[in-house]
Amino acid sequence: MSAEPDRAASGGYVLGYDDAVVDKLAKRNAQREAAFLLPFIPLQGRVLDAGCGPGSITRGLAQLLPGGSVVGVDFDAGQIERARGRAAEQGLANVQFEVADVTALPYPDGAFDVVFAHTLMMHLRDPRAALAELSRVCAPGGIVGLRDGLGSFDRLPGFPEGARVNDLHELLMAAIRASGGMPDVGLRLRGWFHELGMAMVRSQAHSVVYDSPADLTLLCSWHRSLLQGRLGRTAVAEGLISAEALAGFMDRMEAWASDPGAISVVVWIEHIAQKPRSDEEHA
């Protein structure tokens, strides 16, 4: 395996890797986050999970495919180390994790039957190059399944005076762009698949609604951890909001969560595309 890839090529993960962020990523699972793709994965298939983070989805896929094999890649060596350790604890023999840049994957053409990525493309500096690479390592007749940004995030109370953005939705969009990402990339993926000659199987939206007191309290805790971590530091450094205004917003979140009318919705878009078989390409 080559040395750790150039992070500038992959872009920056604006949420950072604070404990609260990694803990939340580690709670993701294959049955929920990859539900849209599971019916398309052969039981003995070779699967790539690109941008796997701490590997909870990857390990879940491996458990669902005892006759198959799953590879998780991420540019952050710390996340890969964590993923490997957890897989060893679970005794999973059909999963492996490697440090890799998704714009230059260390695998031959057609190495995988299914290629999957969850909220990866929105953080990349060159998502089109990454999509081309994911398509390259997908076998003829294989599937690429992506869930990614739709440019729609949690709607929370507006920011106090002293911010260039009006609410957390705008701050997230601006911070991702400042880190070199594209928060609404999900709206562009279908066209890019077409340019690559991939056949679209399905595009659909997926939403999660937070409206119960427990869910809203959990959501506030999550956002507080983000705003106290790398996301908040990036926002202040980029002049999107002052440190004082950011602190004021976090205080207002607590009151908002106790409002019986409070509601928050997160929306993603899910795409499934099939790579043509060799005979189809020349038909």
C-alpha atoms as a PDB file:
ATOM      1  CA  MET A   1       0.000   0.000   0.000  1.00  0.00           C
ATOM      2  CA  SER A   2       1.298   3.434  -0.914  1.00  0.00           C
ATOM      3  CA  ALA A   3       1.786   6.298   1.498  1.00  0.00           C
ATOM      4  CA  GLU A   4      -1.204   8.267   2.740  1.00  0.00           C
ATOM      5  CA  PRO A   5      -2.774  10.130  -0.206  1.00  0.00           C
ATOM      6  CA  ASP A   6      -2.777  13.872  -0.752  1.00  0.00           C
ATOM      7  CA  ARG A   7      -5.600  15.255   1.353  1.00  0.00           C
ATOM      8  CA  ALA A   8      -5.808  18.341  -0.833  1.00  0.00           C
ATOM      9  CA  ALA A   9      -6.958  16.118  -3.698  1.00  0.00           C
ATOM     10  CA  SER A  10      -9.667  14.515  -1.611  1.00  0.00           C
ATOM     11  CA  GLY A  11     -10.834  17.749   0.008  1.00  0.00           C
ATOM     12  CA  GLY A  12     -11.272  18.502   3.682  1.00  0.00           C
ATOM     13  CA  TYR A  13     -13.792  16.875   5.996  1.00  0.00           C
ATOM     14  CA  VAL A  14     -15.328  20.028   7.408  1.00  0.00           C
ATOM     15  CA  LEU A  15     -16.910  18.242  10.387  1.00  0.00           C
ATOM     16  CA  GLY A  16     -13.482  17.135  11.582  1.00  0.00           C
ATOM     17  CA  TYR A  17     -12.785  14.089  13.721  1.00  0.00           C
ATOM     18  CA  ASP A  18     -13.654  15.278  17.212  1.00  0.00           C
ATOM     19  CA  ASP A  19     -14.898  12.503  19.502  1.00  0.00           C
ATOM     20  CA  ALA A  20     -18.553  13.492  19.118  1.00  0.00           C
ATOM     21  CA  VAL A  21     -18.307  13.447  15.320  1.00  0.00           C
ATOM     22  CA  VAL A  22     -16.609  10.058  15.176  1.00  0.00           C
ATOM     23  CA  ASP A  23     -19.044   8.611  17.708  1.00  0.00           C
ATOM     24  CA  LYS A  24     -21.958   9.702  15.526  1.00  0.00           C
ATOM     25  CA  LEU A  25     -20.336   8.315  12.381  1.00  0.00           C
ATOM     26  CA  ALA A  26     -19.772   5.032  14.202  1.00  0.00           C
ATOM     27  CA  LYS A  27     -23.520   4.754  14.857  1.00  0.00           C
ATOM     28  CA  ARG A  28     -24.301   4.532  11.145  1.00  0.00           C
ATOM     29  CA  ASN A  29     -25.278   1.059   9.954  1.00  0.00           C
ATOM     30  CA  ALA A  30     -25.728  -0.786   6.674  1.00  0.00           C
ATOM     31  CA  GLN A  31     -29.396  -1.648   7.224  1.00  0.00           C
ATOM     32  CA  ARG A  32     -30.329   2.037   7.488  1.00  0.00           C
ATOM     33  CA  GLU A  33     -27.753   4.056   5.548  1.00  0.00           C
ATOM     34  CA  ALA A  34     -27.385   1.549   2.689  1.00  0.00           C
ATOM     35  CA  ALA A  35     -31.003   0.316   2.646  1.00  0.00           C
ATOM     36  CA  PHE A  36     -31.576   1.743  -0.845  1.00  0.00           C
ATOM     37  CA  LEU A  37     -28.699  -0.348  -2.225  1.00  0.00           C
ATOM     38  CA  LEU A  38     -29.018  -3.664  -0.366  1.00  0.00           C
ATOM     39  CA  PRO A  39     -31.420  -5.324  -2.858  1.00  0.00           C
ATOM     40  CA  PHE A  40     -28.823  -4.821  -5.603  1.00  0.00           C
ATOM     41  CA  ILE A  41     -25.876  -6.459  -3.807  1.00  0.00           C
ATOM     42  CA  PRO A  42     -25.213 -10.102  -4.753  1.00  0.00           C
ATOM     43  CA  LEU A  43     -24.749 -12.388  -1.765  1.00  0.00           C
ATOM     44  CA  GLN A  44     -21.250 -13.343  -2.907  1.00  0.00           C
ATOM     45  CA  GLY A  45     -20.416  -9.923  -4.305  1.00  0.00           C
ATOM     46  CA  ARG A  46     -17.280  -7.836  -4.013  1.00  0.00           C
ATOM     47  CA  VAL A  47     -18.190  -4.494  -2.443  1.00  0.00           C
ATOM     48  CA  LEU A  48     -16.271  -1.229  -2.025  1.00  0.00           C
ATOM     49  CA  ASP A  49     -17.321   1.309   0.621  1.00  0.00           C
ATOM     50  CA  ALA A  50     -15.621   4.574  -0.368  1.00  0.00           C
ATOM     51  CA  GLY A  51     -15.108   7.160   2.378  1.00  0.00           C
ATOM     52  CA  CYS A  52     -15.912   4.581   5.048  1.00  0.00           C
ATOM     53  CA  GLY A  53     -14.838   6.615   8.101  1.00  0.00           C
ATOM     54  CA  PRO A  54     -14.779   4.402  11.208  1.00  0.00           C
ATOM     55  CA  GLY A  55     -16.245   1.554   9.161  1.00  0.00           C
ATOM     56  CA  SER A  56     -19.576   0.798  10.824  1.00  0.00           C
ATOM     57  CA  ILE A  57     -21.462   0.595   7.506  1.00  0.00           C
ATOM     58  CA  THR A  58     -18.622  -1.424   5.951  1.00  0.00           C
ATOM     59  CA  ARG A  59     -18.674  -3.973   8.756  1.00  0.00           C
ATOM     60  CA  GLY A  60     -22.452  -4.172   8.542  1.00  0.00           C
ATOM     61  CA  LEU A  61     -22.214  -4.978   4.846  1.00  0.00           C
ATOM     62  CA  ALA A  62     -19.665  -7.694   5.598  1.00  0.00           C
ATOM     63  CA  GLN A  63     -22.018  -9.249   8.157  1.00  0.00           C
ATOM     64  CA  LEU A  64     -24.860  -9.212   5.614  1.00  0.00           C
ATOM     65  CA  LEU A  65     -22.654 -10.839   2.958  1.00  0.00           C
ATOM     66  CA  PRO A  66     -20.890 -13.793   4.638  1.00  0.00           C
ATOM     67  CA  GLY A  67     -20.130 -15.261   1.208  1.00  0.00           C
ATOM     68  CA  GLY A  68     -18.856 -11.989  -0.199  1.00  0.00           C
ATOM     69  CA  SER A  69     -16.032  -9.570   0.490  1.00  0.00           C
ATOM     70  CA  VAL A  70     -16.070  -5.898   1.467  1.00  0.00           C
ATOM     71  CA  VAL A  71     -13.332  -3.268   1.318  1.00  0.00           C
ATOM     72  CA  GLY A  72     -13.573   0.092   3.086  1.00  0.00           C
ATOM     73  CA  VAL A  73     -11.314   3.001   2.095  1.00  0.00           C
ATOM     74  CA  ASP A  74     -10.813   6.415   3.636  1.00  0.00           C
ATOM     75  CA  PHE A  75      -8.086   9.077   3.326  1.00  0.00           C
ATOM     76  CA  ASP A  76      -7.836   9.445   7.123  1.00  0.00           C
ATOM     77  CA  ALA A  77      -5.410   6.886   8.574  1.00  0.00           C
ATOM     78  CA  GLY A  78      -6.872   7.296  12.064  1.00  0.00           C
ATOM     79  CA  GLN A  79     -10.327   6.253  10.890  1.00  0.00           C
ATOM     80  CA  ILE A  80      -8.913   3.241   9.072  1.00  0.00           C
ATOM     81  CA  GLU A  81      -7.008   2.159  12.188  1.00  0.00           C
ATOM     82  CA  ARG A  82     -10.190   2.423  14.235  1.00  0.00           C
ATOM     83  CA  ALA A  83     -12.160   0.465  11.608  1.00  0.00           C
ATOM     84  CA  ARG A  84      -9.573  -2.321  11.502  1.00  0.00           C
ATOM     85  CA  GLY A  85      -9.575  -2.645  15.271  1.00  0.00           C
ATOM     86  CA  ARG A  86     -13.346  -2.931  15.456  1.00  0.00           C
ATOM     87  CA  ALA A  87     -13.430  -5.510  12.649  1.00  0.00           C
ATOM     88  CA  ALA A  88     -10.839  -7.597  14.498  1.00  0.00           C
ATOM     89  CA  GLU A  89     -12.926  -7.415  17.682  1.00  0.00           C
ATOM     90  CA  GLN A  90     -15.943  -8.683  15.740  1.00  0.00           C
ATOM     91  CA  GLY A  91     -13.941 -11.462  14.113  1.00  0.00           C
ATOM     92  CA  LEU A  92     -14.892 -10.413  10.571  1.00  0.00           C
ATOM     93  CA  ALA A  93     -12.726 -12.246   8.049  1.00  0.00           C
ATOM     94  CA  ASN A  94     -14.388 -10.926   4.878  1.00  0.00           C
ATOM     95  CA  VAL A  95     -13.691  -7.205   5.377  1.00  0.00           C
ATOM     96  CA  GLN A  96     -10.538  -5.140   5.014  1.00  0.00           C
ATOM     97  CA  PHE A  97      -9.743  -1.453   5.349  1.00  0.00           C
ATOM     98  CA  GLU A  98      -7.173   0.615   3.479  1.00  0.00           C
ATOM     99  CA  VAL A  99      -6.042   4.235   3.366  1.00  0.00           C
ATOM    100  CA  ALA A 100      -6.748   5.509  -0.141  1.00  0.00           C
ATOM    101  CA  ASP A 101      -7.661   8.587  -2.158  1.00  0.00           C
ATOM    102  CA  VAL A 102     -10.972   8.055  -3.951  1.00  0.00           C
ATOM    103  CA  THR A 103      -9.675  10.016  -6.940  1.00  0.00           C
ATOM    104  CA  ALA A 104      -6.815   7.496  -7.370  1.00  0.00           C
ATOM    105  CA  LEU A 105      -7.903   4.112  -6.034  1.00  0.00           C
ATOM    106  CA  PRO A 106      -5.248   1.348  -5.849  1.00  0.00           C
ATOM    107  CA  TYR A 107      -7.478  -1.269  -7.530  1.00  0.00           C
ATOM    108  CA  PRO A 108      -7.669  -2.627 -11.087  1.00  0.00           C
ATOM    109  CA  ASP A 109     -10.519  -1.888 -13.458  1.00  0.00           C
ATOM    110  CA  GLY A 110     -13.694  -3.796 -12.584  1.00  0.00           C
ATOM    111  CA  ALA A 111     -12.453  -4.968  -9.191  1.00  0.00           C
ATOM    112  CA  PHE A 112     -15.863  -4.669  -7.468  1.00  0.00           C
ATOM    113  CA  ASP A 113     -19.408  -5.789  -8.224  1.00  0.00           C
ATOM    114  CA  VAL A 114     -20.886  -2.971  -6.127  1.00  0.00           C
ATOM    115  CA  VAL A 115     -19.403   0.410  -5.245  1.00  0.00           C
ATOM    116  CA  PHE A 116     -21.015   2.426  -2.437  1.00  0.00           C
ATOM    117  CA  ALA A 117     -20.417   5.824  -0.877  1.00  0.00           C
ATOM    118  CA  HIS A 118     -22.385   7.613   1.831  1.00  0.00           C
ATOM    119  CA  THR A 119     -22.205  11.440   1.993  1.00  0.00           C
ATOM    120  CA  LEU A 120     -18.701  11.385   0.539  1.00  0.00           C
ATOM    121  CA  MET A 121     -18.947  13.331  -2.705  1.00  0.00           C
ATOM    122  CA  MET A 122     -20.106  16.576  -1.084  1.00  0.00           C
ATOM    123  CA  HIS A 123     -16.776  16.917   0.748  1.00  0.00           C
ATOM    124  CA  LEU A 124     -14.498  16.398  -2.277  1.00  0.00           C
ATOM    125  CA  ARG A 125     -12.653  19.039  -4.257  1.00  0.00           C
ATOM    126  CA  ASP A 126     -13.140  17.082  -7.486  1.00  0.00           C
ATOM    127  CA  PRO A 127     -16.236  14.880  -7.154  1.00  0.00           C
ATOM    128  CA  ARG A 128     -16.404  14.288 -10.908  1.00  0.00           C
ATOM    129  CA  ALA A 129     -12.938  12.715 -10.867  1.00  0.00           C
ATOM    130  CA  ALA A 130     -13.966  10.603  -7.879  1.00  0.00           C
ATOM    131  CA  LEU A 131     -17.114   9.421  -9.644  1.00  0.00           C
ATOM    132  CA  ALA A 132     -15.084   8.453 -12.696  1.00  0.00           C
ATOM    133  CA  GLU A 133     -12.744   6.467 -10.448  1.00  0.00           C
ATOM    134  CA  LEU A 134     -15.613   4.725  -8.656  1.00  0.00           C
ATOM    135  CA  SER A 135     -17.031   3.814 -12.059  1.00  0.00           C
ATOM    136  CA  ARG A 136     -13.642   2.524 -13.230  1.00  0.00           C
ATOM    137  CA  VAL A 137     -13.315   0.009 -10.393  1.00  0.00           C
ATOM    138  CA  CYS A 138     -16.918  -1.152 -10.853  1.00  0.00           C
ATOM    139  CA  ALA A 139     -17.208  -4.348 -12.905  1.00  0.00           C
ATOM    140  CA  PRO A 140     -19.177  -4.366 -16.185  1.00  0.00           C
ATOM    141  CA  GLY A 141     -22.798  -4.964 -15.240  1.00  0.00           C
ATOM    142  CA  GLY A 142     -22.037  -3.847 -11.675  1.00  0.00           C
ATOM    143  CA  ILE A 143     -23.708  -1.173  -9.573  1.00  0.00           C
ATOM    144  CA  VAL A 144     -22.610   2.180  -8.155  1.00  0.00           C
ATOM    145  CA  GLY A 145     -24.861   3.415  -5.326  1.00  0.00           C
ATOM    146  CA  LEU A 146     -24.444   6.846  -3.783  1.00  0.00           C
ATOM    147  CA  ARG A 147     -26.300   8.709  -1.051  1.00  0.00           C
ATOM    148  CA  ASP A 148     -25.219  12.320  -0.895  1.00  0.00           C
ATOM    149  CA  GLY A 149     -26.017  15.959  -0.364  1.00  0.00           C
ATOM    150  CA  LEU A 150     -29.155  17.594  -1.691  1.00  0.00           C
ATOM    151  CA  GLY A 151     -28.278  21.000  -0.294  1.00  0.00           C
ATOM    152  CA  SER A 152     -30.932  20.614   2.397  1.00  0.00           C
ATOM    153  CA  PHE A 153     -29.880  20.478   6.036  1.00  0.00           C
ATOM    154  CA  ASP A 154     -31.409  20.936   9.454  1.00  0.00           C
ATOM    155  CA  ARG A 155     -33.570  24.026   9.890  1.00  0.00           C
ATOM    156  CA  LEU A 156     -32.848  25.585  13.258  1.00  0.00           C
ATOM    157  CA  PRO A 157     -33.435  29.078  14.681  1.00  0.00           C
ATOM    158  CA  GLY A 158     -31.755  31.984  12.904  1.00  0.00           C
ATOM    159  CA  PHE A 159     -28.395  33.363  13.956  1.00  0.00           C
ATOM    160  CA  PRO A 160     -28.071  36.473  16.111  1.00  0.00           C
ATOM    161  CA  GLU A 161     -26.569  39.702  14.799  1.00  0.00           C
ATOM    162  CA  GLY A 162     -22.954  39.458  13.701  1.00  0.00           C
ATOM    163  CA  ALA A 163     -23.232  36.615  11.177  1.00  0.00           C
ATOM    164  CA  ARG A 164     -22.893  36.650   7.397  1.00  0.00           C
ATOM    165  CA  VAL A 165     -25.226  33.667   7.223  1.00  0.00           C
ATOM    166  CA  ASN A 166     -28.815  33.507   8.433  1.00  0.00           C
ATOM    167  CA  ASP A 167     -29.019  30.024   9.940  1.00  0.00           C
ATOM    168  CA  LEU A 168     -27.227  26.717  10.409  1.00  0.00           C
ATOM    169  CA  HIS A 169     -28.293  25.524   6.961  1.00  0.00           C
ATOM    170  CA  GLU A 170     -26.460  28.430   5.320  1.00  0.00           C
ATOM    171  CA  LEU A 171     -23.460  28.036   7.623  1.00  0.00           C
ATOM    172  CA  LEU A 172     -23.080  24.346   6.752  1.00  0.00           C
ATOM    173  CA  MET A 173     -23.339  25.095   3.036  1.00  0.00           C
ATOM    174  CA  ALA A 174     -20.788  27.906   3.281  1.00  0.00           C
ATOM    175  CA  ALA A 175     -18.371  25.940   5.487  1.00  0.00           C
ATOM    176  CA  ILE A 176     -18.404  22.932   3.149  1.00  0.00           C
ATOM    177  CA  ARG A 177     -17.687  25.220   0.195  1.00  0.00           C
ATOM    178  CA  ALA A 178     -14.897  26.936   2.148  1.00  0.00           C
ATOM    179  CA  SER A 179     -13.314  23.501   2.669  1.00  0.00           C
ATOM    180  CA  GLY A 180     -13.450  22.817  -1.070  1.00  0.00           C
ATOM    181  CA  GLY A 181     -16.647  20.740  -1.103  1.00  0.00           C
ATOM    182  CA  MET A 182     -19.961  20.937  -2.947  1.00  0.00           C
ATOM    183  CA  PRO A 183     -22.932  20.589  -0.570  1.00  0.00           C
ATOM    184  CA  ASP A 184     -25.547  20.167  -3.309  1.00  0.00           C
ATOM    185  CA  VAL A 185     -23.513  17.651  -5.310  1.00  0.00           C
ATOM    186  CA  GLY A 186     -26.362  15.143  -5.181  1.00  0.00           C
ATOM    187  CA  LEU A 187     -28.232  17.206  -7.756  1.00  0.00           C
ATOM    188  CA  ARG A 188     -25.332  16.898 -10.209  1.00  0.00           C
ATOM    189  CA  LEU A 189     -24.526  13.206  -9.922  1.00  0.00           C
ATOM    190  CA  ARG A 190     -27.193  11.961 -12.335  1.00  0.00           C
ATOM    191  CA  GLY A 191     -25.777  14.076 -15.167  1.00  0.00           C
ATOM    192  CA  TRP A 192     -22.233  12.970 -14.388  1.00  0.00           C
ATOM    193  CA  PHE A 193     -23.291   9.314 -14.403  1.00  0.00           C
ATOM    194  CA  HIS A 194     -24.773   9.901 -17.876  1.00  0.00           C
ATOM    195  CA  GLU A 195     -21.524  11.452 -19.102  1.00  0.00           C
ATOM    196  CA  LEU A 196     -19.663   8.340 -17.925  1.00  0.00           C
ATOM    197  CA  GLY A 197     -22.011   6.072 -19.881  1.00  0.00           C
ATOM    198  CA  MET A 198     -23.634   4.627 -16.772  1.00  0.00           C
ATOM    199  CA  ALA A 199     -27.295   3.603 -16.972  1.00  0.00           C
ATOM    200  CA  MET A 200     -29.454   5.134 -14.242  1.00  0.00           C
ATOM    201  CA  VAL A 201     -31.474   2.568 -12.328  1.00  0.00           C
ATOM    202  CA  ARG A 202     -33.066   4.813  -9.708  1.00  0.00           C
ATOM    203  CA  SER A 203     -32.862   8.265  -8.130  1.00  0.00           C
ATOM    204  CA  GLN A 204     -34.859   9.024  -5.006  1.00  0.00           C
ATOM    205  CA  ALA A 205     -34.891  11.336  -2.013  1.00  0.00           C
ATOM    206  CA  HIS A 206     -34.513  10.172   1.575  1.00  0.00           C
ATOM    207  CA  SER A 207     -35.523  12.333   4.507  1.00  0.00           C
ATOM    208  CA  VAL A 208     -35.371  12.118   8.273  1.00  0.00           C
ATOM    209  CA  VAL A 209     -37.705  14.188  10.434  1.00  0.00           C
ATOM    210  CA  TYR A 210     -36.765  15.224  13.972  1.00  0.00           C
ATOM    211  CA  ASP A 211     -39.808  16.280  15.981  1.00  0.00           C
ATOM    212  CA  SER A 212     -39.918  14.412  19.305  1.00  0.00           C
ATOM    213  CA  PRO A 213     -38.384  16.051  22.399  1.00  0.00           C
ATOM    214  CA  ALA A 214     -35.776  13.281  22.638  1.00  0.00           C
ATOM    215  CA  ASP A 215     -34.820  13.596  18.957  1.00  0.00           C
ATOM    216  CA  LEU A 216     -34.605  17.386  19.140  1.00  0.00           C
ATOM    217  CA  THR A 217     -32.452  17.273  22.270  1.00  0.00           C
ATOM    218  CA  LEU A 218     -30.146  14.766  20.573  1.00  0.00           C
ATOM    219  CA  LEU A 219     -29.990  16.975  17.481  1.00  0.00           C
ATOM    220  CA  CYS A 220     -29.076  20.016  19.547  1.00  0.00           C
ATOM    221  CA  SER A 221     -26.334  18.081  21.297  1.00  0.00           C
ATOM    222  CA  TRP A 222     -24.929  16.972  17.940  1.00  0.00           C
ATOM    223  CA  HIS A 223     -24.937  20.482  16.524  1.00  0.00           C
ATOM    224  CA  ARG A 224     -23.375  21.920  19.660  1.00  0.00           C
ATOM    225  CA  SER A 225     -20.506  19.447  19.297  1.00  0.00           C
ATOM    226  CA  LEU A 226     -20.060  20.488  15.648  1.00  0.00           C
ATOM    227  CA  LEU A 227     -20.097  24.186  16.411  1.00  0.00           C
ATOM    228  CA  GLN A 228     -17.604  23.725  19.244  1.00  0.00           C
ATOM    229  CA  GLY A 229     -15.359  21.664  16.951  1.00  0.00           C
ATOM    230  CA  ARG A 230     -13.800  22.039  13.515  1.00  0.00           C
ATOM    231  CA  LEU A 231     -16.991  23.255  11.829  1.00  0.00           C
ATOM    232  CA  GLY A 232     -17.317  26.162  14.246  1.00  0.00           C
ATOM    233  CA  ARG A 233     -13.627  27.004  13.995  1.00  0.00           C
ATOM    234  CA  THR A 234     -13.846  27.009  10.203  1.00  0.00           C
ATOM    235  CA  ALA A 235     -16.924  29.259  10.275  1.00  0.00           C
ATOM    236  CA  VAL A 236     -15.227  31.800  12.550  1.00  0.00           C
ATOM    237  CA  ALA A 237     -11.939  31.684  10.604  1.00  0.00           C
ATOM    238  CA  GLU A 238     -13.785  32.253   7.310  1.00  0.00           C
ATOM    239  CA  GLY A 239     -15.647  35.219   8.793  1.00  0.00           C
ATOM    240  CA  LEU A 240     -19.030  33.528   8.414  1.00  0.00           C
ATOM    241  CA  ILE A 241     -19.939  34.269  12.013  1.00  0.00           C
ATOM    242  CA  SER A 242     -18.285  35.787  15.064  1.00  0.00           C
ATOM    243  CA  ALA A 243     -17.367  33.651  18.047  1.00  0.00           C
ATOM    244  CA  GLU A 244     -19.846  35.647  20.144  1.00  0.00           C
ATOM    245  CA  ALA A 245     -22.712  35.119  17.689  1.00  0.00           C
ATOM    246  CA  LEU A 246     -21.908  31.421  17.501  1.00  0.00           C
ATOM    247  CA  ALA A 247     -22.061  31.096  21.280  1.00  0.00           C
ATOM    248  CA  GLY A 248     -25.363  32.961  21.302  1.00  0.00           C
ATOM    249  CA  PHE A 249     -26.814  30.606  18.712  1.00  0.00           C
ATOM    250  CA  MET A 250     -25.883  27.534  20.742  1.00  0.00           C
ATOM    251  CA  ASP A 251     -27.732  28.986  23.716  1.00  0.00           C
ATOM    252  CA  ARG A 252     -30.818  29.616  21.573  1.00  0.00           C
ATOM    253  CA  MET A 253     -30.838  26.020  20.353  1.00  0.00           C
ATOM    254  CA  GLU A 254     -31.686  24.763  23.820  1.00  0.00           C
ATOM    255  CA  ALA A 255     -34.793  26.933  24.010  1.00  0.00           C
ATOM    256  CA  TRP A 256     -35.792  25.970  20.464  1.00  0.00           C
ATOM    257  CA  ALA A 257     -35.673  22.251  21.279  1.00  0.00           C
ATOM    258  CA  SER A 258     -38.270  22.696  24.038  1.00  0.00           C
ATOM    259  CA  ASP A 259     -40.702  24.517  21.719  1.00  0.00           C
ATOM    260  CA  PRO A 260     -43.642  22.183  20.899  1.00  0.00           C
ATOM    261  CA  GLY A 261     -43.620  23.531  17.345  1.00  0.00           C
ATOM    262  CA  ALA A 262     -39.956  22.746  16.718  1.00  0.00           C
ATOM    263  CA  ILE A 263     -39.177  20.456  13.791  1.00  0.00           C
ATOM    264  CA  SER A 264     -36.088  19.722  11.714  1.00  0.00           C
ATOM    265  CA  VAL A 265     -35.745  17.829   8.437  1.00  0.00           C
ATOM    266  CA  VAL A 266     -32.627  16.449   6.759  1.00  0.00           C
ATOM    267  CA  VAL A 267     -32.841  15.376   3.115  1.00  0.00           C
ATOM    268  CA  TRP A 268     -30.415  13.311   1.049  1.00  0.00           C
ATOM    269  CA  ILE A 269     -30.626  12.011  -2.501  1.00  0.00           C
ATOM    270  CA  GLU A 270     -29.837   8.410  -3.442  1.00  0.00           C
ATOM    271  CA  HIS A 271     -28.657   7.334  -6.890  1.00  0.00           C
ATOM    272  CA  ILE A 272     -28.169   3.835  -8.270  1.00  0.00           C
ATOM    273  CA  ALA A 273     -26.431   3.428 -11.641  1.00  0.00           C
ATOM    274  CA  GLN A 274     -25.332   0.339 -13.573  1.00  0.00           C
ATOM    275  CA  LYS A 275     -22.139   0.059 -15.567  1.00  0.00           C
ATOM    276  CA  PRO A 276     -22.769  -1.319 -19.060  1.00  0.00           C
ATOM    277  CA  ARG A 277     -21.527  -4.786 -19.879  1.00  0.00           C
ATOM    278  CA  SER A 278     -18.842  -4.946 -22.536  1.00  0.00           C
ATOM    279  CA  ASP A 279     -21.236  -6.304 -25.158  1.00  0.00           C
ATOM    280  CA  GLU A 280     -23.720  -3.488 -24.410  1.00  0.00           C
ATOM    281  CA  GLU A 281     -21.036  -0.852 -24.901  1.00  0.00           C
ATOM    282  CA  HIS A 282     -20.439  -2.039 -28.462  1.00  0.00           C
ATOM    283  CA  ALA A 283     -24.041  -2.895 -29.344  1.00  0.00           C
END
